[in-house]
Amino acid sequence: LRAAFGTPGCVYASFVLFLVPFIIAGHDVLTKAWSNIR
């Protein structure tokens, strides 16, 4: 990622890429948390 996007571009690239498995695995947790807050 650092070689492809440089610095600090690699930080934003890792943010987007790690967000994918985060949403896939935890979207139900996020939805439940929002529903409980409401």
Full PDB file with SEQRES, HELIX, SHEET, SSBOND, CRYST1, ORIGX, SCALE, CONECT and MASTER records, all heavy atoms in Angstrom:
SEQRES   1 A   38  LEU ARG ALA ALA PHE GLY THR PRO GLY CYS VAL TYR ALA          
SEQRES   2 A   38  SER PHE VAL LEU PHE LEU VAL PRO PHE ILE ILE ALA GLY          
SEQRES   3 A   38  HIS ASP VAL LEU THR LYS ALA TRP SER ASN ILE ARG              
HELIX    1 AA1 ARG A    2  PHE A    5  1                                   4    
HELIX    2 AA2 GLY A    9  ILE A   37  1                                  29    
CRYST1    1.000    1.000    1.000  90.00  90.00  90.00 P 1           1          
ORIGX1      1.000000  0.000000  0.000000        0.00000                         
ORIGX2      0.000000  1.000000  0.000000        0.00000                         
ORIGX3      0.000000  0.000000  1.000000        0.00000                         
SCALE1      1.000000  0.000000  0.000000        0.00000                         
SCALE2      0.000000  1.000000  0.000000        0.00000                         
SCALE3      0.000000  0.000000  1.000000        0.00000                         
ATOM      1  N   LEU A   1       0.826  -1.207   0.000  1.00  0.00           N  
ATOM      2  CA  LEU A   1       0.000   0.000   0.000  1.00  0.00           C  
ATOM      3  C   LEU A   1       0.859   1.254   0.000  1.00  0.00           C  
ATOM      4  O   LEU A   1       0.550   2.237  -0.687  1.00  0.00           O  
ATOM      5  CB  LEU A   1      -0.922  -0.006   1.234  1.00  0.00           C  
ATOM      6  CG  LEU A   1      -1.943  -1.143   1.305  1.00  0.00           C  
ATOM      7  CD1 LEU A   1      -2.789  -1.022   2.567  1.00  0.00           C  
ATOM      8  CD2 LEU A   1      -2.834  -1.161   0.075  1.00  0.00           C  
ATOM      9  N   ARG A   2       1.952   1.225   0.765  1.00  0.00           N  
ATOM     10  CA  ARG A   2       2.848   2.390   0.786  1.00  0.00           C  
ATOM     11  C   ARG A   2       3.494   2.593  -0.575  1.00  0.00           C  
ATOM     12  O   ARG A   2       3.665   3.741  -1.023  1.00  0.00           O  
ATOM     13  CB  ARG A   2       3.907   2.206   1.867  1.00  0.00           C  
ATOM     14  CG  ARG A   2       4.798   3.425   2.101  1.00  0.00           C  
ATOM     15  CD  ARG A   2       5.819   3.127   3.199  1.00  0.00           C  
ATOM     16  NE  ARG A   2       5.163   2.785   4.448  1.00  0.00           N  
ATOM     17  CZ  ARG A   2       4.757   3.695   5.344  1.00  0.00           C  
ATOM     18  NH1 ARG A   2       4.963   4.987   5.105  1.00  0.00           N  
ATOM     19  NH2 ARG A   2       4.191   3.310   6.461  1.00  0.00           N  
ATOM     20  N   ALA A   3       3.864   1.508  -1.240  1.00  0.00           N  
ATOM     21  CA  ALA A   3       4.491   1.619  -2.559  1.00  0.00           C  
ATOM     22  C   ALA A   3       3.504   2.116  -3.608  1.00  0.00           C  
ATOM     23  O   ALA A   3       3.890   2.828  -4.548  1.00  0.00           O  
ATOM     24  CB  ALA A   3       5.062   0.266  -2.970  1.00  0.00           C  
ATOM     25  N   ALA A   4       2.235   1.736  -3.452  1.00  0.00           N  
ATOM     26  CA  ALA A   4       1.245   2.103  -4.462  1.00  0.00           C  
ATOM     27  C   ALA A   4       0.683   3.506  -4.242  1.00  0.00           C  
ATOM     28  O   ALA A   4       0.417   4.224  -5.216  1.00  0.00           O  
ATOM     29  CB  ALA A   4       0.109   1.083  -4.469  1.00  0.00           C  
ATOM     30  N   PHE A   5       0.485   3.901  -3.003  1.00  0.00           N  
ATOM     31  CA  PHE A   5      -0.196   5.165  -2.719  1.00  0.00           C  
ATOM     32  C   PHE A   5       0.704   6.197  -2.039  1.00  0.00           C  
ATOM     33  O   PHE A   5       0.301   7.342  -1.881  1.00  0.00           O  
ATOM     34  CB  PHE A   5      -1.422   4.918  -1.830  1.00  0.00           C  
ATOM     35  CG  PHE A   5      -2.428   4.014  -2.450  1.00  0.00           C  
ATOM     36  CD1 PHE A   5      -2.462   2.661  -2.129  1.00  0.00           C  
ATOM     37  CD2 PHE A   5      -3.344   4.497  -3.375  1.00  0.00           C  
ATOM     38  CE1 PHE A   5      -3.397   1.820  -2.701  1.00  0.00           C  
ATOM     39  CE2 PHE A   5      -4.284   3.655  -3.953  1.00  0.00           C  
ATOM     40  CZ  PHE A   5      -4.319   2.316  -3.612  1.00  0.00           C  
ATOM     41  N   GLY A   6       1.884   5.813  -1.622  1.00  0.00           N  
ATOM     42  CA  GLY A   6       2.788   6.754  -0.990  1.00  0.00           C  
ATOM     43  C   GLY A   6       2.350   7.096   0.417  1.00  0.00           C  
ATOM     44  O   GLY A   6       1.528   6.425   1.032  1.00  0.00           O  
ATOM     45  N   THR A   7       2.931   8.183   0.948  1.00  0.00           N  
ATOM     46  CA  THR A   7       2.631   8.634   2.303  1.00  0.00           C  
ATOM     47  C   THR A   7       2.084  10.054   2.249  1.00  0.00           C  
ATOM     48  O   THR A   7       2.696  10.906   1.589  1.00  0.00           O  
ATOM     49  CB  THR A   7       3.897   8.598   3.176  1.00  0.00           C  
ATOM     50  OG1 THR A   7       4.440   7.276   3.152  1.00  0.00           O  
ATOM     51  CG2 THR A   7       3.573   8.963   4.607  1.00  0.00           C  
ATOM     52  N   PRO A   8       0.947  10.391   2.856  1.00  0.00           N  
ATOM     53  CA  PRO A   8       0.130   9.525   3.729  1.00  0.00           C  
ATOM     54  C   PRO A   8      -0.983   8.802   2.996  1.00  0.00           C  
ATOM     55  O   PRO A   8      -1.962   8.392   3.622  1.00  0.00           O  
ATOM     56  CB  PRO A   8      -0.435  10.526   4.733  1.00  0.00           C  
ATOM     57  CG  PRO A   8      -0.662  11.764   3.917  1.00  0.00           C  
ATOM     58  CD  PRO A   8       0.461  11.797   2.905  1.00  0.00           C  
ATOM     59  N   GLY A   9      -0.891   8.663   1.688  1.00  0.00           N  
ATOM     60  CA  GLY A   9      -1.955   8.003   0.931  1.00  0.00           C  
ATOM     61  C   GLY A   9      -2.202   6.578   1.374  1.00  0.00           C  
ATOM     62  O   GLY A   9      -3.327   6.076   1.305  1.00  0.00           O  
ATOM     63  N   CYS A  10      -1.138   5.901   1.828  1.00  0.00           N  
ATOM     64  CA  CYS A  10      -1.301   4.520   2.279  1.00  0.00           C  
ATOM     65  C   CYS A  10      -2.220   4.426   3.498  1.00  0.00           C  
ATOM     66  O   CYS A  10      -2.905   3.412   3.690  1.00  0.00           O  
ATOM     67  CB  CYS A  10       0.052   3.900   2.573  1.00  0.00           C  
ATOM     68  SG  CYS A  10       0.981   4.749   3.886  1.00  0.00           S  
ATOM     69  N   VAL A  11      -2.230   5.474   4.326  1.00  0.00           N  
ATOM     70  CA  VAL A  11      -3.098   5.476   5.504  1.00  0.00           C  
ATOM     71  C   VAL A  11      -4.564   5.492   5.090  1.00  0.00           C  
ATOM     72  O   VAL A  11      -5.387   4.723   5.609  1.00  0.00           O  
ATOM     73  CB  VAL A  11      -2.789   6.682   6.407  1.00  0.00           C  
ATOM     74  CG1 VAL A  11      -3.766   6.751   7.581  1.00  0.00           C  
ATOM     75  CG2 VAL A  11      -1.359   6.623   6.907  1.00  0.00           C  
ATOM     76  N   TYR A  12      -4.904   6.338   4.127  1.00  0.00           N  
ATOM     77  CA  TYR A  12      -6.291   6.398   3.663  1.00  0.00           C  
ATOM     78  C   TYR A  12      -6.669   5.142   2.884  1.00  0.00           C  
ATOM     79  O   TYR A  12      -7.818   4.686   2.945  1.00  0.00           O  
ATOM     80  CB  TYR A  12      -6.488   7.644   2.813  1.00  0.00           C  
ATOM     81  CG  TYR A  12      -6.133   8.924   3.534  1.00  0.00           C  
ATOM     82  CD1 TYR A  12      -4.995   9.649   3.204  1.00  0.00           C  
ATOM     83  CD2 TYR A  12      -6.934   9.389   4.574  1.00  0.00           C  
ATOM     84  CE1 TYR A  12      -4.671  10.817   3.871  1.00  0.00           C  
ATOM     85  CE2 TYR A  12      -6.620  10.558   5.251  1.00  0.00           C  
ATOM     86  CZ  TYR A  12      -5.486  11.264   4.897  1.00  0.00           C  
ATOM     87  OH  TYR A  12      -5.162  12.423   5.586  1.00  0.00           O  
ATOM     88  N   ALA A  13      -5.703   4.570   2.169  1.00  0.00           N  
ATOM     89  CA  ALA A  13      -5.982   3.329   1.447  1.00  0.00           C  
ATOM     90  C   ALA A  13      -6.256   2.185   2.414  1.00  0.00           C  
ATOM     91  O   ALA A  13      -7.185   1.387   2.213  1.00  0.00           O  
ATOM     92  CB  ALA A  13      -4.805   2.981   0.532  1.00  0.00           C  
ATOM     93  N   SER A  14      -5.469   2.092   3.474  1.00  0.00           N  
ATOM     94  CA  SER A  14      -5.703   1.049   4.466  1.00  0.00           C  
ATOM     95  C   SER A  14      -7.030   1.267   5.186  1.00  0.00           C  
ATOM     96  O   SER A  14      -7.728   0.307   5.543  1.00  0.00           O  
ATOM     97  CB  SER A  14      -4.553   1.012   5.482  1.00  0.00           C  
ATOM     98  OG  SER A  14      -4.489   2.222   6.220  1.00  0.00           O  
ATOM     99  N   PHE A  15      -7.395   2.540   5.384  1.00  0.00           N  
ATOM    100  CA  PHE A  15      -8.682   2.839   6.003  1.00  0.00           C  
ATOM    101  C   PHE A  15      -9.829   2.277   5.167  1.00  0.00           C  
ATOM    102  O   PHE A  15     -10.735   1.606   5.691  1.00  0.00           O  
ATOM    103  CB  PHE A  15      -8.833   4.346   6.165  1.00  0.00           C  
ATOM    104  CG  PHE A  15     -10.210   4.781   6.578  1.00  0.00           C  
ATOM    105  CD1 PHE A  15     -10.610   4.707   7.902  1.00  0.00           C  
ATOM    106  CD2 PHE A  15     -11.111   5.262   5.637  1.00  0.00           C  
ATOM    107  CE1 PHE A  15     -11.877   5.105   8.293  1.00  0.00           C  
ATOM    108  CE2 PHE A  15     -12.380   5.654   6.020  1.00  0.00           C  
ATOM    109  CZ  PHE A  15     -12.770   5.577   7.348  1.00  0.00           C  
ATOM    110  N   VAL A  16      -9.796   2.516   3.889  1.00  0.00           N  
ATOM    111  CA  VAL A  16     -10.875   2.042   3.007  1.00  0.00           C  
ATOM    112  C   VAL A  16     -10.867   0.521   2.904  1.00  0.00           C  
ATOM    113  O   VAL A  16     -11.926  -0.128   2.968  1.00  0.00           O  
ATOM    114  CB  VAL A  16     -10.736   2.685   1.611  1.00  0.00           C  
ATOM    115  CG1 VAL A  16     -11.770   2.096   0.648  1.00  0.00           C  
ATOM    116  CG2 VAL A  16     -10.895   4.196   1.702  1.00  0.00           C  
ATOM    117  N   LEU A  17      -9.685  -0.068   2.775  1.00  0.00           N  
ATOM    118  CA  LEU A  17      -9.608  -1.514   2.582  1.00  0.00           C  
ATOM    119  C   LEU A  17      -9.991  -2.276   3.849  1.00  0.00           C  
ATOM    120  O   LEU A  17     -10.693  -3.289   3.782  1.00  0.00           O  
ATOM    121  CB  LEU A  17      -8.191  -1.903   2.134  1.00  0.00           C  
ATOM    122  CG  LEU A  17      -7.788  -1.396   0.741  1.00  0.00           C  
ATOM    123  CD1 LEU A  17      -6.345  -1.778   0.445  1.00  0.00           C  
ATOM    124  CD2 LEU A  17      -8.713  -1.974  -0.333  1.00  0.00           C  
ATOM    125  N   PHE A  18      -9.542  -1.819   5.011  1.00  0.00           N  
ATOM    126  CA  PHE A  18      -9.906  -2.500   6.260  1.00  0.00           C  
ATOM    127  C   PHE A  18     -11.368  -2.254   6.636  1.00  0.00           C  
ATOM    128  O   PHE A  18     -11.942  -3.016   7.415  1.00  0.00           O  
ATOM    129  CB  PHE A  18      -8.998  -2.059   7.402  1.00  0.00           C  
ATOM    130  CG  PHE A  18      -7.674  -2.739   7.421  1.00  0.00           C  
ATOM    131  CD1 PHE A  18      -6.506  -2.017   7.247  1.00  0.00           C  
ATOM    132  CD2 PHE A  18      -7.585  -4.114   7.613  1.00  0.00           C  
ATOM    133  CE1 PHE A  18      -5.271  -2.652   7.275  1.00  0.00           C  
ATOM    134  CE2 PHE A  18      -6.362  -4.742   7.634  1.00  0.00           C  
ATOM    135  CZ  PHE A  18      -5.194  -4.020   7.463  1.00  0.00           C  
ATOM    136  N   LEU A  19     -11.939  -1.196   6.070  1.00  0.00           N  
ATOM    137  CA  LEU A  19     -13.347  -0.938   6.331  1.00  0.00           C  
ATOM    138  C   LEU A  19     -14.245  -1.992   5.690  1.00  0.00           C  
ATOM    139  O   LEU A  19     -15.352  -2.237   6.167  1.00  0.00           O  
ATOM    140  CB  LEU A  19     -13.723   0.462   5.815  1.00  0.00           C  
ATOM    141  CG  LEU A  19     -15.023   1.075   6.344  1.00  0.00           C  
ATOM    142  CD1 LEU A  19     -14.934   1.278   7.842  1.00  0.00           C  
ATOM    143  CD2 LEU A  19     -15.296   2.398   5.630  1.00  0.00           C  
ATOM    144  N   VAL A  20     -13.759  -2.635   4.621  1.00  0.00           N  
ATOM    145  CA  VAL A  20     -14.560  -3.660   3.927  1.00  0.00           C  
ATOM    146  C   VAL A  20     -14.822  -4.869   4.824  1.00  0.00           C  
ATOM    147  O   VAL A  20     -15.985  -5.243   5.043  1.00  0.00           O  
ATOM    148  CB  VAL A  20     -13.876  -4.066   2.609  1.00  0.00           C  
ATOM    149  CG1 VAL A  20     -14.626  -5.231   1.952  1.00  0.00           C  
ATOM    150  CG2 VAL A  20     -13.813  -2.884   1.657  1.00  0.00           C  
ATOM    151  N   PRO A  21     -13.798  -5.544   5.374  1.00  0.00           N  
ATOM    152  CA  PRO A  21     -14.101  -6.659   6.278  1.00  0.00           C  
ATOM    153  C   PRO A  21     -14.812  -6.218   7.555  1.00  0.00           C  
ATOM    154  O   PRO A  21     -15.585  -6.988   8.135  1.00  0.00           O  
ATOM    155  CB  PRO A  21     -12.722  -7.246   6.593  1.00  0.00           C  
ATOM    156  CG  PRO A  21     -11.751  -6.148   6.349  1.00  0.00           C  
ATOM    157  CD  PRO A  21     -12.334  -5.369   5.217  1.00  0.00           C  
ATOM    158  N   PHE A  22     -14.561  -4.976   7.978  1.00  0.00           N  
ATOM    159  CA  PHE A  22     -15.245  -4.463   9.167  1.00  0.00           C  
ATOM    160  C   PHE A  22     -16.755  -4.392   8.939  1.00  0.00           C  
ATOM    161  O   PHE A  22     -17.549  -4.821   9.791  1.00  0.00           O  
ATOM    162  CB  PHE A  22     -14.687  -3.087   9.518  1.00  0.00           C  
ATOM    163  CG  PHE A  22     -15.430  -2.395  10.631  1.00  0.00           C  
ATOM    164  CD1 PHE A  22     -15.214  -2.756  11.947  1.00  0.00           C  
ATOM    165  CD2 PHE A  22     -16.334  -1.381  10.354  1.00  0.00           C  
ATOM    166  CE1 PHE A  22     -15.898  -2.117  12.976  1.00  0.00           C  
ATOM    167  CE2 PHE A  22     -17.011  -0.743  11.372  1.00  0.00           C  
ATOM    168  CZ  PHE A  22     -16.793  -1.116  12.685  1.00  0.00           C  
ATOM    169  N   ILE A  23     -17.169  -3.885   7.796  1.00  0.00           N  
ATOM    170  CA  ILE A  23     -18.599  -3.775   7.484  1.00  0.00           C  
ATOM    171  C   ILE A  23     -19.200  -5.152   7.244  1.00  0.00           C  
ATOM    172  O   ILE A  23     -20.319  -5.447   7.690  1.00  0.00           O  
ATOM    173  CB  ILE A  23     -18.813  -2.873   6.266  1.00  0.00           C  
ATOM    174  CG1 ILE A  23     -18.346  -1.439   6.578  1.00  0.00           C  
ATOM    175  CG2 ILE A  23     -20.278  -2.882   5.845  1.00  0.00           C  
ATOM    176  CD1 ILE A  23     -19.124  -0.767   7.668  1.00  0.00           C  
ATOM    177  N   ILE A  24     -18.468  -6.030   6.551  1.00  0.00           N  
ATOM    178  CA  ILE A  24     -18.998  -7.367   6.275  1.00  0.00           C  
ATOM    179  C   ILE A  24     -19.257  -8.128   7.567  1.00  0.00           C  
ATOM    180  O   ILE A  24     -20.303  -8.769   7.735  1.00  0.00           O  
ATOM    181  CB  ILE A  24     -18.016  -8.145   5.378  1.00  0.00           C  
ATOM    182  CG1 ILE A  24     -17.922  -7.499   3.997  1.00  0.00           C  
ATOM    183  CG2 ILE A  24     -18.456  -9.606   5.243  1.00  0.00           C  
ATOM    184  CD1 ILE A  24     -16.890  -8.135   3.092  1.00  0.00           C  
ATOM    185  N   ALA A  25     -18.331  -8.054   8.495  1.00  0.00           N  
ATOM    186  CA  ALA A  25     -18.459  -8.828   9.736  1.00  0.00           C  
ATOM    187  C   ALA A  25     -19.344  -8.152  10.761  1.00  0.00           C  
ATOM    188  O   ALA A  25     -20.062  -8.831  11.505  1.00  0.00           O  
ATOM    189  CB  ALA A  25     -17.077  -9.082  10.334  1.00  0.00           C  
ATOM    190  N   GLY A  26     -19.330  -6.827  10.834  1.00  0.00           N  
ATOM    191  CA  GLY A  26     -19.973  -6.151  11.955  1.00  0.00           C  
ATOM    192  C   GLY A  26     -21.139  -5.266  11.630  1.00  0.00           C  
ATOM    193  O   GLY A  26     -21.546  -4.468  12.477  1.00  0.00           O  
ATOM    194  N   HIS A  27     -21.722  -5.401  10.434  1.00  0.00           N  
ATOM    195  CA  HIS A  27     -22.834  -4.508  10.107  1.00  0.00           C  
ATOM    196  C   HIS A  27     -24.037  -4.763  11.023  1.00  0.00           C  
ATOM    197  O   HIS A  27     -24.789  -3.842  11.349  1.00  0.00           O  
ATOM    198  CB  HIS A  27     -23.232  -4.655   8.636  1.00  0.00           C  
ATOM    199  CG  HIS A  27     -23.848  -5.977   8.315  1.00  0.00           C  
ATOM    200  ND1 HIS A  27     -25.194  -6.250   8.487  1.00  0.00           N  
ATOM    201  CD2 HIS A  27     -23.303  -7.112   7.831  1.00  0.00           C  
ATOM    202  CE1 HIS A  27     -25.456  -7.484   8.110  1.00  0.00           C  
ATOM    203  NE2 HIS A  27     -24.324  -8.035   7.722  1.00  0.00           N  
ATOM    204  N   ASP A  28     -24.226  -6.023  11.456  1.00  0.00           N  
ATOM    205  CA  ASP A  28     -25.353  -6.311  12.351  1.00  0.00           C  
ATOM    206  C   ASP A  28     -25.128  -5.700  13.735  1.00  0.00           C  
ATOM    207  O   ASP A  28     -26.079  -5.265  14.392  1.00  0.00           O  
ATOM    208  CB  ASP A  28     -25.577  -7.817  12.451  1.00  0.00           C  
ATOM    209  CG  ASP A  28     -24.325  -8.558  12.887  1.00  0.00           C  
ATOM    210  OD1 ASP A  28     -23.217  -8.011  12.682  1.00  0.00           O  
ATOM    211  OD2 ASP A  28     -24.438  -9.673  13.413  1.00  0.00           O  
ATOM    212  N   VAL A  29     -23.880  -5.664  14.181  1.00  0.00           N  
ATOM    213  CA  VAL A  29     -23.572  -5.035  15.469  1.00  0.00           C  
ATOM    214  C   VAL A  29     -23.822  -3.533  15.403  1.00  0.00           C  
ATOM    215  O   VAL A  29     -24.396  -2.941  16.333  1.00  0.00           O  
ATOM    216  CB  VAL A  29     -22.110  -5.321  15.868  1.00  0.00           C  
ATOM    217  CG1 VAL A  29     -21.769  -4.622  17.182  1.00  0.00           C  
ATOM    218  CG2 VAL A  29     -21.877  -6.811  16.000  1.00  0.00           C  
ATOM    219  N   LEU A  30     -23.426  -2.901  14.311  1.00  0.00           N  
ATOM    220  CA  LEU A  30     -23.652  -1.471  14.148  1.00  0.00           C  
ATOM    221  C   LEU A  30     -25.146  -1.154  14.091  1.00  0.00           C  
ATOM    222  O   LEU A  30     -25.607  -0.187  14.693  1.00  0.00           O  
ATOM    223  CB  LEU A  30     -22.963  -0.981  12.871  1.00  0.00           C  
ATOM    224  CG  LEU A  30     -21.445  -1.189  12.794  1.00  0.00           C  
ATOM    225  CD1 LEU A  30     -20.928  -0.734  11.442  1.00  0.00           C  
ATOM    226  CD2 LEU A  30     -20.734  -0.452  13.906  1.00  0.00           C  
ATOM    227  N   THR A  31     -25.892  -2.001  13.371  1.00  0.00           N  
ATOM    228  CA  THR A  31     -27.343  -1.791  13.267  1.00  0.00           C  
ATOM    229  C   THR A  31     -28.022  -1.950  14.617  1.00  0.00           C  
ATOM    230  O   THR A  31     -28.908  -1.166  14.993  1.00  0.00           O  
ATOM    231  CB  THR A  31     -27.944  -2.774  12.260  1.00  0.00           C  
ATOM    232  OG1 THR A  31     -27.289  -2.626  11.001  1.00  0.00           O  
ATOM    233  CG2 THR A  31     -29.435  -2.518  12.079  1.00  0.00           C  
ATOM    234  N   LYS A  32     -27.616  -2.965  15.371  1.00  0.00           N  
ATOM    235  CA  LYS A  32     -28.203  -3.193  16.690  1.00  0.00           C  
ATOM    236  C   LYS A  32     -27.878  -2.053  17.639  1.00  0.00           C  
ATOM    237  O   LYS A  32     -28.735  -1.610  18.428  1.00  0.00           O  
ATOM    238  CB  LYS A  32     -27.696  -4.509  17.264  1.00  0.00           C  
ATOM    239  CG  LYS A  32     -28.325  -4.884  18.597  1.00  0.00           C  
ATOM    240  CD  LYS A  32     -27.805  -6.215  19.088  1.00  0.00           C  
ATOM    241  CE  LYS A  32     -28.407  -6.578  20.434  1.00  0.00           C  
ATOM    242  NZ  LYS A  32     -27.882  -7.884  20.935  1.00  0.00           N  
ATOM    243  N   ALA A  33     -26.654  -1.558  17.579  1.00  0.00           N  
ATOM    244  CA  ALA A  33     -26.271  -0.436  18.438  1.00  0.00           C  
ATOM    245  C   ALA A  33     -27.102   0.801  18.118  1.00  0.00           C  
ATOM    246  O   ALA A  33     -27.573   1.498  19.030  1.00  0.00           O  
ATOM    247  CB  ALA A  33     -24.785  -0.142  18.279  1.00  0.00           C  
ATOM    248  N   TRP A  34     -27.302   1.087  16.841  1.00  0.00           N  
ATOM    249  CA  TRP A  34     -28.089   2.251  16.448  1.00  0.00           C  
ATOM    250  C   TRP A  34     -29.552   2.099  16.882  1.00  0.00           C  
ATOM    251  O   TRP A  34     -30.174   3.042  17.359  1.00  0.00           O  
ATOM    252  CB  TRP A  34     -27.999   2.456  14.954  1.00  0.00           C  
ATOM    253  CG  TRP A  34     -28.883   3.547  14.428  1.00  0.00           C  
ATOM    254  CD1 TRP A  34     -29.945   3.408  13.588  1.00  0.00           C  
ATOM    255  CD2 TRP A  34     -28.786   4.951  14.715  1.00  0.00           C  
ATOM    256  NE1 TRP A  34     -30.528   4.616  13.334  1.00  0.00           N  
ATOM    257  CE2 TRP A  34     -29.830   5.587  14.009  1.00  0.00           C  
ATOM    258  CE3 TRP A  34     -27.931   5.713  15.496  1.00  0.00           C  
ATOM    259  CZ2 TRP A  34     -30.032   6.965  14.064  1.00  0.00           C  
ATOM    260  CZ3 TRP A  34     -28.134   7.084  15.552  1.00  0.00           C  
ATOM    261  CH2 TRP A  34     -29.172   7.693  14.839  1.00  0.00           C  
ATOM    262  N   SER A  35     -30.096   0.886  16.730  1.00  0.00           N  
ATOM    263  CA  SER A  35     -31.483   0.650  17.148  1.00  0.00           C  
ATOM    264  C   SER A  35     -31.643   0.822  18.654  1.00  0.00           C  
ATOM    265  O   SER A  35     -32.632   1.400  19.125  1.00  0.00           O  
ATOM    266  CB  SER A  35     -31.924  -0.754  16.729  1.00  0.00           C  
ATOM    267  OG  SER A  35     -31.852  -0.915  15.326  1.00  0.00           O  
ATOM    268  N   ASN A  36     -30.673   0.335  19.415  1.00  0.00           N  
ATOM    269  CA  ASN A  36     -30.746   0.489  20.876  1.00  0.00           C  
ATOM    270  C   ASN A  36     -30.615   1.943  21.299  1.00  0.00           C  
ATOM    271  O   ASN A  36     -31.254   2.375  22.266  1.00  0.00           O  
ATOM    272  CB  ASN A  36     -29.670  -0.356  21.544  1.00  0.00           C  
ATOM    273  CG  ASN A  36     -29.922  -1.836  21.394  1.00  0.00           C  
ATOM    274  OD1 ASN A  36     -31.050  -2.273  21.148  1.00  0.00           O  
ATOM    275  ND2 ASN A  36     -28.882  -2.632  21.537  1.00  0.00           N  
ATOM    276  N   ILE A  37     -29.797   2.703  20.593  1.00  0.00           N  
ATOM    277  CA  ILE A  37     -29.660   4.126  20.903  1.00  0.00           C  
ATOM    278  C   ILE A  37     -30.990   4.845  20.670  1.00  0.00           C  
ATOM    279  O   ILE A  37     -31.412   5.691  21.470  1.00  0.00           O  
ATOM    280  CB  ILE A  37     -28.532   4.749  20.063  1.00  0.00           C  
ATOM    281  CG1 ILE A  37     -27.168   4.213  20.517  1.00  0.00           C  
ATOM    282  CG2 ILE A  37     -28.552   6.271  20.171  1.00  0.00           C  
ATOM    283  CD1 ILE A  37     -26.021   4.663  19.650  1.00  0.00           C  
ATOM    284  N   ARG A  38     -31.678   4.505  19.603  1.00  0.00           N  
ATOM    285  CA  ARG A  38     -32.963   5.145  19.308  1.00  0.00           C  
ATOM    286  C   ARG A  38     -34.014   4.795  20.346  1.00  0.00           C  
ATOM    287  O   ARG A  38     -34.920   5.580  20.607  1.00  0.00           O  
ATOM    288  CB  ARG A  38     -33.438   4.718  17.917  1.00  0.00           C  
ATOM    289  CG  ARG A  38     -32.555   5.224  16.791  1.00  0.00           C  
ATOM    290  CD  ARG A  38     -33.069   4.739  15.451  1.00  0.00           C  
ATOM    291  NE  ARG A  38     -34.424   5.208  15.204  1.00  0.00           N  
ATOM    292  CZ  ARG A  38     -35.145   4.857  14.136  1.00  0.00           C  
ATOM    293  NH1 ARG A  38     -34.624   4.032  13.234  1.00  0.00           N  
ATOM    294  NH2 ARG A  38     -36.367   5.325  13.980  1.00  0.00           N  
TER     295      ARG A  38                                                      
MASTER        0    0    0    2    0    0    0    6  294    1    0    3          
END                                                                             
